[in-house]
Protein backbone atom coordinates (compact mmCIF):
# COMPACT_ATOMS: atom_id res chain seq x y z
CA MET A 1 -7.65 -13.33 -7.06
CA ILE A 2 -9.37 -11.83 -4.01
CA THR A 3 -7.18 -13.99 -1.86
CA GLU A 4 -3.93 -12.75 -3.46
CA ILE A 5 -5.17 -9.10 -3.10
CA GLY A 6 -5.67 -9.73 0.57
CA ILE A 7 -2.26 -11.32 0.94
CA VAL A 8 -0.54 -8.31 -0.80
CA ALA A 9 -2.63 -5.91 1.43
CA GLY A 10 -1.12 -7.66 4.37
CA GLU A 11 2.39 -7.24 2.89
CA ILE A 12 1.74 -3.53 2.30
CA TRP A 13 0.53 -3.27 5.96
CA HIS A 14 3.79 -4.80 7.23
CA TYR A 15 5.92 -2.61 4.95
CA LEU A 16 4.19 0.49 6.29
CA GLU A 17 4.66 -0.68 9.84
CA ALA A 18 8.43 -0.63 9.14
CA HIS A 19 8.35 2.55 6.98
CA PRO A 20 5.84 4.98 8.70
CA GLU A 21 5.29 7.05 5.49
CA ALA A 22 6.37 5.83 2.10
CA PRO A 23 5.96 6.69 -1.64
CA PHE A 24 3.90 4.04 -3.41
CA SER A 25 6.88 3.24 -5.66
CA ASP A 26 9.00 2.33 -2.71
CA VAL A 27 6.18 0.12 -1.34
CA VAL A 28 5.92 -1.72 -4.70
CA ALA A 29 9.69 -2.19 -4.78
CA GLY A 30 9.83 -3.26 -1.19
CA ILE A 31 7.14 -5.97 -1.42
CA GLN A 32 8.22 -6.99 -4.92
CA ARG A 33 4.70 -7.46 -6.31
CA PRO A 34 3.24 -6.25 -9.58
CA ARG A 35 2.10 -2.60 -9.54
CA ASP A 36 -1.49 -3.42 -10.52
CA LEU A 37 -1.86 -5.89 -7.76
CA ALA A 38 -0.38 -3.51 -5.21
CA LEU A 39 -2.83 -0.82 -6.43
CA MET A 40 -5.80 -3.17 -5.88
CA SER A 41 -4.59 -4.02 -2.39
CA LEU A 42 -3.95 -0.37 -1.58
CA GLY A 43 -7.63 0.27 -2.66
CA TRP A 44 -8.84 -2.35 -0.28
CA LEU A 45 -6.78 -0.96 2.54
CA SER A 46 -7.98 2.63 1.82
CA ARG A 47 -11.57 1.57 1.56
CA GLU A 48 -11.35 -0.20 4.90
CA GLY A 49 -9.80 2.92 6.36
CA HIS A 50 -6.49 1.35 7.32
CA VAL A 51 -4.18 3.74 5.34
CA ILE A 52 -4.02 7.41 4.49
CA VAL A 53 -3.07 8.15 0.85
CA ARG A 54 -2.09 11.64 -0.32
CA GLN A 55 -0.83 13.00 -3.51
CA ASP A 56 2.69 14.55 -3.36
CA GLY A 57 3.39 16.00 -6.78
CA ARG A 58 3.26 12.98 -9.19
CA GLU A 59 3.77 10.46 -6.43
CA LEU A 60 1.37 8.80 -4.01
CA ARG A 61 2.48 8.75 -0.45
CA MET A 62 0.87 6.49 2.12
CA ALA A 63 0.91 5.75 5.92
CA LEU A 64 -1.00 3.57 8.24
CA ARG A 65 -3.97 5.21 9.98
CA ARG A 66 -2.96 5.32 13.67
């Protein structure tokens, strides 16, 4: 499972390189992965300090840390 989380983290990274700031729902749709797996991968990227996540109303928005 940890390998799959890492692979999806990479997919999120590449998505955010192409879309500088995106709602989480768009990221999930763009990478076509299960929401739960995307959340685990986002947590990994957040913990490592690679992404910035902010709450915008009911939506999470994210961007790569530059």
